[in-house]
Amino acid sequence: MKKIVLSLLLVAVTTVAMAQLRERPMRWQGFETNRFWDNWEMSLAGGNSILLVSEKLGKDPGKFLDRNGWNANVGFTKWVAPIIGMRLQLDAGEFRNYSFDQARYGNGVFKTPYMFVHSDLLVNMSNWIGGYNPNRVYYAISYVGFGYTAMSWTKKSAGSYNGEFAFSSGLINKFRVTPQWDIELDLRSWMFAEKSLPKEIQGGGRYAFGLSASLGVAYRFNQRDWTPAYSQVDVDGYLAAIIALEERLAVRDIELVNASNEIATLDSKNKSLEADIAKCKDKRVQTQSKVVVVPECVAFFTIGEAKITDYAEATLETYVEQVKDTSMPISVVGYADKETGSVQRNEQLSKERAESVTAWLVKAGIDASRITTHWVGDTETAFTSPETPIVNRCVIVK
């Protein structure tokens, strides 16, 4: 169940993510790589520049407006992606500063010409944040760079000629006028070693900062725009294929879980059957053979009499104990010894003996309906032993 929920959640998340991807504009990925001569620009601008000495920031002598010099620049930019570009630029201008040591150098303005050649890494913040849009009117482009600056090469002042490496940074405000032309406002700062300045305007610190603001134009050569590597139709088809695949995987996961559950159920039943078989193997069937023994009793009588003797009564009592709780029929047969008496007398005597035993049984609790009484006189013998004819003076109960 958990796996099914996770699969369905994965499909939902993928669908939402793909929808967001579809709506998200492309920035630097998803474009065809441009050729070397594509996406070039040339810029030309001019404006003001001012010099600040690090140890005396904000305390430079002279009024701010009096210290404003001029600046001009020309640059070439190659865009390698809608966001990333590289620029090579040459700046030239003039700083106007007053000396910190006016007692020594006077209170006049010192004009310091400079040149600054630098290479910059440009980042189109508008395309980065808002996505590539060829119809955008305004672009904010930040940059950092590195180059070489030269000072005072036109006159032999106290500082004479000096050159130092410098680091630059700034912001280009680009306004699209036509597909070919832009207006640019470039706000720049660069830092260099103060020792490269003429001694008349040095402040005794390690670094100096140049600030400039220049307004100009930029011309965009062909090819100007960027070609997506794939169309929105391609993106939609790709996303639809991914969503369909995720849905198929979710269905397969559901089928797999159902099959696993069915296998687990069958396995449980199989184990139950195996347990039952094992129990059957261990169980020994015990059968009890009930042997029905038909009791038989012989009551012997004294010669010529039908009275039950004590010995015969003891025998009959034992018999009654065996049959009184059963429903089996009882046969009472009277006999006589043919060695004594006549046939008629023996017939009568066997009858009396049989009836005597029957009466005793009924009196002992045996239902009379269970008893069949008959006699045979001396026509039949109870026992066939010729040596002991006395044994035929009896009644057999069975």
Protein backbone atom coordinates (compact mmCIF):
# COMPACT_ATOMS: atom_id res chain seq x y z
CA MET A 1 0.00 0.00 0.00
CA LYS A 2 2.83 2.38 0.90
CA LYS A 3 4.49 1.73 -2.45
CA ILE A 4 1.26 2.53 -4.32
CA VAL A 5 0.88 5.84 -2.47
CA LEU A 6 4.50 6.74 -3.21
CA SER A 7 4.05 5.92 -6.91
CA LEU A 8 0.92 8.08 -7.20
CA LEU A 9 2.64 10.88 -5.31
CA LEU A 10 5.61 10.65 -7.71
CA VAL A 11 3.27 11.04 -10.69
CA ALA A 12 1.61 14.08 -9.08
CA VAL A 13 4.92 15.72 -8.24
CA THR A 14 6.26 15.04 -11.73
CA THR A 15 3.14 16.56 -13.30
CA VAL A 16 3.41 19.72 -11.20
CA ALA A 17 7.15 19.99 -11.78
CA MET A 18 6.73 19.59 -15.53
CA ALA A 19 3.97 22.20 -15.58
CA GLN A 20 6.26 24.62 -13.77
CA LEU A 21 9.08 23.80 -16.17
CA ARG A 22 6.79 24.50 -19.11
CA GLU A 23 5.93 27.92 -17.70
CA ARG A 24 9.49 28.79 -16.70
CA PRO A 25 11.34 30.89 -19.31
CA MET A 26 14.71 29.71 -20.57
CA ARG A 27 17.78 31.45 -19.24
CA TRP A 28 21.11 30.12 -20.49
CA GLN A 29 20.22 26.50 -21.16
CA GLY A 30 18.18 25.21 -24.07
CA PHE A 31 19.74 27.42 -26.77
CA GLU A 32 21.78 26.51 -29.77
CA THR A 33 25.46 27.35 -29.40
CA ASN A 34 26.12 30.47 -31.40
CA ARG A 35 28.94 30.88 -33.84
CA PHE A 36 31.96 33.02 -33.09
CA TRP A 37 30.74 36.02 -35.09
CA ASP A 38 27.21 35.90 -33.66
CA ASN A 39 25.93 38.17 -30.87
CA TRP A 40 28.62 40.83 -31.04
CA GLU A 41 28.18 44.45 -29.92
CA MET A 42 30.23 47.61 -30.25
CA SER A 43 29.69 50.47 -27.81
CA LEU A 44 30.81 54.08 -27.78
CA ALA A 45 30.17 56.40 -24.82
CA GLY A 46 31.32 59.45 -22.93
CA GLY A 47 30.75 61.08 -19.56
CA ASN A 48 32.28 62.20 -16.29
CA SER A 49 34.92 60.70 -14.03
CA ILE A 50 36.19 61.49 -10.56
CA LEU A 51 39.10 60.28 -8.42
CA LEU A 52 38.89 59.32 -4.73
CA VAL A 53 41.98 58.64 -2.61
CA SER A 54 41.47 55.77 -0.16
CA GLU A 55 42.85 57.40 3.00
CA LYS A 56 40.95 60.61 2.35
CA LEU A 57 37.65 59.30 1.04
CA GLY A 58 35.14 62.10 1.13
CA LYS A 59 37.83 64.54 2.32
CA ASP A 60 39.56 65.28 -0.96
CA PRO A 61 40.37 68.99 -1.22
CA GLY A 62 38.29 71.09 -3.59
CA LYS A 63 34.62 71.18 -4.46
CA PHE A 64 33.02 68.07 -5.90
CA LEU A 65 31.96 69.70 -9.15
CA ASP A 66 35.39 71.25 -9.61
CA ARG A 67 36.93 67.78 -9.40
CA ASN A 68 34.82 66.24 -12.18
CA GLY A 69 36.83 65.21 -15.21
CA TRP A 70 35.83 63.70 -18.50
CA ASN A 71 35.70 60.09 -19.69
CA ALA A 72 35.29 58.35 -23.03
CA ASN A 73 35.32 54.67 -23.90
CA VAL A 74 34.94 52.23 -26.72
CA GLY A 75 34.23 48.55 -26.25
CA PHE A 76 33.50 45.28 -27.99
CA THR A 77 31.24 42.67 -26.39
CA LYS A 78 30.71 39.04 -27.30
CA TRP A 79 27.68 37.28 -25.76
CA VAL A 80 28.28 33.55 -25.42
CA ALA A 81 24.84 32.90 -23.86
CA PRO A 82 21.73 34.98 -23.14
CA ILE A 83 23.16 35.67 -19.68
CA ILE A 84 26.97 35.55 -20.05
CA GLY A 85 29.11 37.93 -22.09
CA MET A 86 32.72 39.15 -22.34
CA ARG A 87 33.83 42.68 -23.10
CA LEU A 88 37.12 44.30 -24.06
CA GLN A 89 37.07 48.05 -23.45
CA LEU A 90 39.40 51.00 -23.59
CA ASP A 91 38.72 53.95 -21.29
CA ALA A 92 40.42 57.31 -21.56
CA GLY A 93 39.83 60.41 -19.50
CA GLU A 94 41.16 63.00 -17.13
CA PHE A 95 41.05 63.31 -13.34
CA ARG A 96 40.97 66.76 -11.81
CA ASN A 97 42.23 66.96 -8.25
CA TYR A 98 43.70 69.39 -5.77
CA SER A 99 46.84 68.65 -3.83
CA PHE A 100 46.66 67.59 -0.19
CA ASP A 101 49.92 69.47 0.36
CA GLN A 102 48.98 72.87 -1.08
CA ALA A 103 51.77 74.59 0.82
CA ARG A 104 54.24 72.62 -1.25
CA TYR A 105 52.42 72.16 -4.55
CA GLY A 106 50.00 75.08 -4.58
CA ASN A 107 46.24 75.20 -4.60
CA GLY A 108 45.66 74.79 -8.28
CA VAL A 109 43.90 71.96 -10.07
CA PHE A 110 46.07 69.07 -11.15
CA LYS A 111 44.82 67.44 -14.33
CA THR A 112 45.80 63.78 -14.53
CA PRO A 113 45.12 62.02 -17.83
CA TYR A 114 44.61 58.28 -17.68
CA MET A 115 43.97 55.28 -19.87
CA PHE A 116 42.41 52.04 -18.67
CA VAL A 117 42.23 48.94 -20.84
CA HIS A 118 40.27 46.10 -19.25
CA SER A 119 38.41 42.89 -19.91
CA ASP A 120 35.05 42.34 -18.18
CA LEU A 121 32.77 39.41 -17.47
CA LEU A 122 29.16 40.51 -18.05
CA VAL A 123 26.06 38.97 -16.48
CA ASN A 124 22.65 39.92 -17.91
CA MET A 125 20.64 40.04 -14.69
CA SER A 126 17.36 40.64 -16.52
CA ASN A 127 17.69 37.44 -18.56
CA TRP A 128 18.91 35.57 -15.50
CA ILE A 129 16.02 36.58 -13.28
CA GLY A 130 13.23 37.02 -15.79
CA GLY A 131 14.29 34.59 -18.50
CA TYR A 132 15.34 35.30 -22.04
CA ASN A 133 13.02 37.73 -23.82
CA PRO A 134 14.12 39.20 -27.16
CA ASN A 135 11.44 41.91 -26.87
CA ARG A 136 12.54 43.23 -23.48
CA VAL A 137 13.11 47.01 -23.45
CA TYR A 138 15.41 47.32 -20.43
CA TYR A 139 18.35 45.15 -19.39
CA ALA A 140 20.39 45.42 -16.20
CA ILE A 141 23.90 44.05 -16.80
CA SER A 142 26.44 43.76 -13.99
CA TYR A 143 30.12 43.13 -14.59
CA VAL A 144 33.53 42.66 -12.99
CA GLY A 145 36.83 43.06 -14.75
CA PHE A 146 40.58 43.27 -14.65
CA GLY A 147 43.00 45.44 -16.62
CA TYR A 148 45.85 47.89 -16.70
CA THR A 149 45.73 51.64 -16.03
CA ALA A 150 48.31 54.26 -17.01
CA MET A 151 48.61 57.79 -15.55
CA SER A 152 50.23 61.11 -16.54
CA TRP A 153 51.94 60.10 -19.72
CA THR A 154 51.40 63.54 -21.35
CA LYS A 155 53.60 65.64 -19.09
CA LYS A 156 56.59 65.35 -16.84
CA SER A 157 55.00 66.19 -13.56
CA ALA A 158 56.31 65.27 -10.16
CA GLY A 159 54.60 61.91 -10.58
CA SER A 160 55.70 61.45 -14.19
CA TYR A 161 54.43 58.25 -15.85
CA ASN A 162 53.17 55.29 -13.82
CA GLY A 163 51.14 52.20 -14.62
CA GLU A 164 49.40 49.63 -12.41
CA PHE A 165 46.96 46.73 -12.67
CA ALA A 166 43.40 47.63 -11.75
CA PHE A 167 40.13 45.91 -10.91
CA SER A 168 36.79 47.18 -12.19
CA SER A 169 33.10 46.60 -11.51
CA GLY A 170 29.91 48.28 -12.57
CA LEU A 171 26.39 48.23 -13.90
CA ILE A 172 25.25 48.80 -17.48
CA ASN A 173 21.72 50.08 -17.92
CA LYS A 174 20.77 49.06 -21.47
CA PHE A 175 17.68 50.39 -23.22
CA ARG A 176 16.55 48.68 -26.43
CA VAL A 177 15.66 51.27 -29.11
CA THR A 178 15.65 49.14 -32.24
CA PRO A 179 16.69 45.55 -32.95
CA GLN A 180 20.14 46.97 -33.83
CA TRP A 181 20.65 49.92 -31.48
CA ASP A 182 20.72 50.28 -27.70
CA ILE A 183 21.30 53.26 -25.43
CA GLU A 184 23.62 52.47 -22.50
CA LEU A 185 24.28 54.19 -19.20
CA ASP A 186 27.44 52.64 -17.75
CA LEU A 187 28.20 53.25 -14.07
CA ARG A 188 31.74 52.09 -13.28
CA SER A 189 34.25 51.99 -10.47
CA TRP A 190 37.81 50.76 -10.60
CA MET A 191 40.51 50.35 -8.00
CA PHE A 192 44.25 50.70 -8.48
CA ALA A 193 47.39 51.43 -6.47
CA GLU A 194 47.65 55.05 -5.31
CA LYS A 195 51.36 55.12 -6.06
CA SER A 196 50.56 55.28 -9.75
CA LEU A 197 49.13 58.81 -9.24
CA PRO A 198 51.28 61.93 -9.42
CA LYS A 199 52.81 62.78 -6.07
CA GLU A 200 51.01 66.13 -6.05
CA ILE A 201 47.61 64.45 -5.51
CA GLN A 202 48.58 61.40 -3.48
CA GLY A 203 47.00 61.11 -0.03
CA GLY A 204 49.41 58.72 1.62
CA GLY A 205 47.26 55.61 1.27
CA ARG A 206 47.55 52.34 -0.63
CA TYR A 207 44.63 52.51 -3.04
CA ALA A 208 42.73 54.99 -5.15
CA PHE A 209 39.30 54.66 -6.73
CA GLY A 210 38.06 55.96 -10.01
CA LEU A 211 34.35 56.53 -10.59
CA SER A 212 32.73 57.22 -13.94
CA ALA A 213 29.31 57.56 -15.51
CA SER A 214 29.13 57.40 -19.28
CA LEU A 215 26.21 57.59 -21.67
CA GLY A 216 26.44 56.14 -25.15
CA VAL A 217 25.12 53.78 -27.78
CA ALA A 218 25.73 50.17 -28.69
CA TYR A 219 25.27 48.54 -32.05
CA ARG A 220 24.29 44.86 -32.18
CA PHE A 221 25.67 42.93 -35.12
CA ASN A 222 23.99 39.90 -36.69
CA GLN A 223 23.17 37.35 -35.37
CA ARG A 224 21.42 39.33 -32.61
CA ASP A 225 18.97 36.92 -30.99
CA TRP A 226 19.17 33.38 -29.65
CA THR A 227 17.67 30.29 -31.26
CA PRO A 228 16.12 27.76 -28.87
CA ALA A 229 17.47 24.26 -29.32
CA TYR A 230 13.92 22.94 -29.12
CA SER A 231 10.44 24.37 -29.57
CA GLN A 232 7.64 24.46 -27.03
CA VAL A 233 5.98 21.66 -29.00
CA ASP A 234 9.07 19.53 -28.38
CA VAL A 235 8.98 20.42 -24.68
CA ASP A 236 5.28 19.55 -24.40
CA GLY A 237 5.81 16.22 -26.14
CA TYR A 238 8.76 15.40 -23.93
CA LEU A 239 6.86 16.27 -20.76
CA ALA A 240 3.81 14.31 -21.88
CA ALA A 241 6.00 11.25 -22.53
CA ILE A 242 7.54 11.52 -19.06
CA ILE A 243 4.13 11.85 -17.38
CA ALA A 244 2.79 8.87 -19.36
CA LEU A 245 5.81 6.80 -18.35
CA GLU A 246 5.36 7.73 -14.68
CA GLU A 247 1.68 6.74 -14.88
CA ARG A 248 2.59 3.39 -16.45
CA LEU A 249 5.13 2.79 -13.71
CA ALA A 250 2.50 3.59 -11.08
CA VAL A 251 0.08 1.09 -12.66
CA ARG A 252 2.82 -1.54 -12.77
CA ASP A 253 3.58 -0.88 -9.11
CA ILE A 254 -0.10 -1.38 -8.24
CA GLU A 255 -0.19 -4.65 -10.21
CA LEU A 256 3.02 -5.77 -8.53
CA VAL A 257 1.62 -5.05 -5.06
CA ASN A 258 -1.61 -6.92 -5.87
CA ALA A 259 0.36 -9.89 -7.18
CA SER A 260 2.57 -9.83 -4.09
CA ASN A 261 -0.50 -9.82 -1.85
CA GLU A 262 -2.02 -12.74 -3.76
CA ILE A 263 1.23 -14.68 -3.52
CA ALA A 264 1.37 -13.97 0.22
CA THR A 265 -2.22 -15.23 0.62
CA LEU A 266 -1.52 -18.40 -1.33
CA ASP A 267 1.69 -18.93 0.61
CA SER A 268 -0.22 -18.60 3.88
CA LYS A 269 -2.80 -21.15 2.70
CA ASN A 270 -0.04 -23.47 1.55
CA LYS A 271 1.68 -23.28 4.93
CA SER A 272 -1.65 -23.99 6.64
CA LEU A 273 -2.18 -27.05 4.45
CA GLU A 274 1.36 -28.24 5.14
CA ALA A 275 0.72 -27.88 8.86
CA ASP A 276 -2.52 -29.88 8.57
CA ILE A 277 -0.72 -32.61 6.60
CA ALA A 278 2.02 -32.73 9.22
CA LYS A 279 -0.60 -33.12 11.93
CA CYS A 280 -2.28 -35.92 10.00
CA LYS A 281 1.06 -37.70 9.62
CA ASP A 282 1.68 -37.50 13.32
CA LYS A 283 -1.81 -38.53 14.32
CA ARG A 284 -2.23 -42.26 14.70
CA VAL A 285 -5.70 -43.55 14.20
CA GLN A 286 -6.61 -45.70 17.14
CA THR A 287 -9.37 -48.17 16.58
CA GLN A 288 -10.97 -50.13 19.35
CA SER A 289 -12.31 -53.45 18.50
CA LYS A 290 -15.23 -54.19 20.69
CA VAL A 291 -15.57 -57.92 21.18
CA VAL A 292 -19.03 -58.74 22.15
CA VAL A 293 -18.86 -61.74 24.45
CA VAL A 294 -22.14 -63.53 24.83
CA PRO A 295 -22.27 -64.60 28.45
CA GLU A 296 -23.19 -68.21 29.15
CA CYS A 297 -24.18 -69.70 32.42
CA VAL A 298 -24.65 -73.36 33.50
CA ALA A 299 -26.71 -74.05 36.57
CA PHE A 300 -26.29 -77.58 37.84
CA PHE A 301 -29.07 -79.40 39.78
CA THR A 302 -29.22 -82.26 42.23
CA ILE A 303 -30.43 -85.60 40.77
CA GLY A 304 -34.20 -85.72 40.44
CA GLU A 305 -34.71 -82.10 41.66
CA ALA A 306 -35.51 -78.68 40.08
CA LYS A 307 -34.57 -76.54 43.06
CA ILE A 308 -31.75 -74.01 42.45
CA THR A 309 -28.79 -74.82 44.64
CA ASP A 310 -26.57 -72.26 46.32
CA TYR A 311 -23.80 -72.99 43.85
CA ALA A 312 -26.17 -72.53 40.88
CA GLU A 313 -27.50 -69.30 42.41
CA ALA A 314 -23.97 -67.90 42.71
CA THR A 315 -23.39 -68.74 39.06
CA LEU A 316 -26.65 -67.05 38.03
CA GLU A 317 -25.81 -63.92 40.02
CA THR A 318 -22.55 -63.56 38.11
CA TYR A 319 -24.43 -63.97 34.85
CA VAL A 320 -27.04 -61.37 35.76
CA GLU A 321 -24.30 -58.81 36.49
CA GLN A 322 -23.07 -59.29 32.94
CA VAL A 323 -26.36 -58.99 31.10
CA LYS A 324 -28.66 -56.83 33.18
CA ASP A 325 -27.57 -53.57 31.52
CA THR A 326 -27.87 -54.98 28.01
CA SER A 327 -30.81 -55.68 25.79
CA MET A 328 -29.57 -58.95 24.38
CA PRO A 329 -32.07 -61.81 24.32
CA ILE A 330 -31.60 -64.64 26.79
CA SER A 331 -32.18 -68.31 26.07
CA VAL A 332 -32.93 -70.71 28.94
CA VAL A 333 -32.73 -74.47 28.06
CA GLY A 334 -33.44 -77.22 30.58
CA TYR A 335 -31.74 -80.65 30.44
CA ALA A 336 -32.02 -84.04 32.24
CA ASP A 337 -29.71 -87.04 32.66
CA LYS A 338 -30.97 -89.95 30.51
CA GLU A 339 -29.02 -92.39 32.64
CA THR A 340 -31.65 -92.06 35.33
CA GLY A 341 -35.43 -91.82 35.17
CA SER A 342 -37.88 -92.37 32.37
CA VAL A 343 -38.23 -90.28 29.29
CA GLN A 344 -41.44 -88.73 30.58
CA ARG A 345 -39.91 -88.00 33.97
CA ASN A 346 -36.83 -86.42 32.41
CA GLU A 347 -39.03 -84.32 30.12
CA GLN A 348 -40.96 -82.98 33.11
CA LEU A 349 -37.82 -82.49 35.17
CA SER A 350 -36.02 -80.47 32.45
CA LYS A 351 -39.14 -78.29 32.14
CA GLU A 352 -39.27 -77.57 35.88
CA ARG A 353 -35.59 -76.83 36.00
CA ALA A 354 -35.87 -74.34 33.03
CA GLU A 355 -38.90 -72.60 34.51
CA SER A 356 -37.17 -72.39 37.91
CA VAL A 357 -34.19 -70.58 36.38
CA THR A 358 -36.44 -68.24 34.35
CA ALA A 359 -38.37 -67.28 37.47
CA TRP A 360 -35.12 -66.61 39.31
CA LEU A 361 -33.84 -64.35 36.46
CA VAL A 362 -37.03 -62.30 36.40
CA LYS A 363 -36.86 -61.95 40.14
CA ALA A 364 -33.22 -60.77 39.76
CA GLY A 365 -34.33 -57.90 37.47
CA ILE A 366 -34.20 -59.37 33.97
CA ASP A 367 -37.14 -58.36 31.81
CA ALA A 368 -39.23 -61.44 31.08
CA SER A 369 -39.68 -60.31 27.46
CA ARG A 370 -35.99 -60.91 26.89
CA ILE A 371 -36.17 -64.55 28.07
CA THR A 372 -37.03 -67.52 25.89
CA THR A 373 -37.61 -70.72 27.93
CA HIS A 374 -37.67 -74.22 26.57
CA TRP A 375 -36.57 -77.75 27.59
CA VAL A 376 -35.39 -80.85 25.83
CA GLY A 377 -35.66 -83.62 28.48
CA ASP A 378 -33.00 -86.24 27.86
CA THR A 379 -33.38 -86.22 24.08
CA GLU A 380 -30.42 -83.89 23.84
CA THR A 381 -27.38 -83.62 25.99
CA ALA A 382 -25.79 -80.41 27.21
CA PHE A 383 -22.39 -82.07 27.26
CA THR A 384 -21.19 -85.08 25.31
CA SER A 385 -18.83 -86.56 27.88
CA PRO A 386 -19.97 -90.21 28.46
CA GLU A 387 -17.95 -90.50 31.62
CA THR A 388 -19.88 -87.75 33.45
CA PRO A 389 -23.58 -87.95 32.59
CA ILE A 390 -24.22 -85.99 35.74
CA VAL A 391 -23.30 -82.77 33.95
CA ASN A 392 -26.48 -83.03 31.90
CA ARG A 393 -28.59 -82.36 35.00
CA CYS A 394 -28.49 -78.64 34.28
CA VAL A 395 -29.94 -75.54 32.72
CA ILE A 396 -27.90 -73.59 30.23
CA VAL A 397 -28.52 -69.85 30.05
CA LYS A 398 -27.07 -67.84 27.19
